[in-house]
Amino acid sequence: MKKFLVKINAYSYHTEFEVLAEDNVESIENSIVDKIGEKGVKWEYLGEMMDPKMNRITYEEVVNGTRPVQTKAVLGVEVAVGV
């Protein structure tokens, strides 16, 4: 099972939540439908700035920082740098 971050934009509303699912389309879709069916999803109204004709659902795998943080010394201070 993997953790996926789901973002939905539909009908001038937006929501974002995480689901646990196997790495296949059917499992991800079922997890999203189950989460929405629980009615624990909070929808944020975006107003008229978002075109209500454009509906999107995206998801991405959540990786909990398995790589070491890259640092660089700047003026004698260690700071994190982008990869």
Protein backbone atom coordinates (compact mmCIF):
# COMPACT_ATOMS: atom_id res chain seq x y z
CA MET A 1 0.00 0.00 0.00
CA LYS A 2 1.21 3.49 -0.88
CA LYS A 3 0.07 6.90 0.29
CA PHE A 4 -1.27 9.25 -2.39
CA LEU A 5 -2.08 12.96 -2.16
CA VAL A 6 -5.37 13.70 -3.96
CA LYS A 7 -6.28 17.20 -5.18
CA ILE A 8 -9.73 17.86 -6.65
CA ASN A 9 -10.88 21.08 -8.36
CA ALA A 10 -14.53 20.95 -9.44
CA TYR A 11 -17.45 23.38 -9.74
CA SER A 12 -15.51 26.28 -8.13
CA TYR A 13 -14.51 24.13 -5.12
CA HIS A 14 -11.18 22.62 -4.09
CA THR A 15 -10.15 19.85 -1.70
CA GLU A 16 -6.92 18.05 -0.86
CA PHE A 17 -6.52 14.80 1.14
CA GLU A 18 -4.41 11.64 1.39
CA VAL A 19 -5.49 8.05 0.69
CA LEU A 20 -3.82 4.67 1.08
CA ALA A 21 -4.06 2.46 -2.00
CA GLU A 22 -2.24 -0.09 -4.08
CA ASP A 23 -0.27 1.28 -7.02
CA ASN A 24 -2.96 0.77 -9.68
CA VAL A 25 -5.73 2.93 -11.09
CA GLU A 26 -8.69 0.89 -9.81
CA SER A 27 -7.42 0.83 -6.22
CA ILE A 28 -6.70 4.58 -6.24
CA GLU A 29 -10.14 5.39 -7.69
CA ASN A 30 -11.88 3.19 -5.10
CA SER A 31 -9.92 4.82 -2.26
CA ILE A 32 -10.88 8.30 -3.50
CA VAL A 33 -14.58 7.35 -3.76
CA ASP A 34 -14.49 5.77 -0.28
CA LYS A 35 -12.88 8.90 1.23
CA ILE A 36 -15.44 11.21 -0.39
CA GLY A 37 -18.23 8.86 0.73
CA GLU A 38 -17.11 9.16 4.38
CA LYS A 39 -18.06 12.86 4.18
CA GLY A 40 -14.84 13.73 6.03
CA VAL A 41 -13.59 15.77 3.09
CA LYS A 42 -13.71 19.56 3.54
CA TRP A 43 -14.40 21.55 0.38
CA GLU A 44 -13.05 25.09 -0.03
CA TYR A 45 -15.04 27.51 -2.19
CA LEU A 46 -12.75 29.24 -4.70
CA GLY A 47 -15.26 31.77 -5.98
CA GLU A 48 -15.73 32.69 -9.59
CA MET A 49 -12.00 32.96 -10.34
CA MET A 50 -11.95 29.28 -11.28
CA ASP A 51 -13.82 28.34 -14.45
CA PRO A 52 -16.62 25.97 -13.33
CA LYS A 53 -16.36 24.13 -16.68
CA MET A 54 -12.85 22.92 -15.77
CA ASN A 55 -12.92 19.93 -13.39
CA ARG A 56 -9.69 18.24 -12.34
CA ILE A 57 -8.62 15.36 -10.11
CA THR A 58 -4.91 14.81 -9.64
CA TYR A 59 -2.95 12.48 -7.38
CA GLU A 60 0.69 11.92 -6.55
CA GLU A 61 2.58 9.45 -4.40
CA VAL A 62 3.63 10.79 -1.01
CA VAL A 63 7.26 10.06 -0.18
CA ASN A 64 8.27 10.74 3.41
CA GLY A 65 11.78 12.14 2.90
CA THR A 66 13.80 8.99 2.34
CA ARG A 67 16.66 10.97 0.80
CA PRO A 68 19.21 12.75 3.00
CA VAL A 69 18.88 16.52 3.15
CA GLN A 70 21.52 18.26 1.02
CA THR A 71 23.26 21.12 2.80
CA LYS A 72 25.69 23.86 1.88
CA ALA A 73 27.80 26.09 4.09
CA VAL A 74 26.91 29.74 3.53
CA LEU A 75 28.84 32.29 5.58
CA GLY A 76 29.68 29.55 8.08
CA VAL A 77 26.05 28.40 8.48
CA GLU A 78 24.69 25.07 7.19
CA VAL A 79 21.54 25.61 5.08
CA ALA A 80 19.40 23.16 3.11
CA VAL A 81 19.63 23.44 -0.67
CA GLY A 82 17.31 22.30 -3.46
CA VAL A 83 18.27 19.30 -5.52
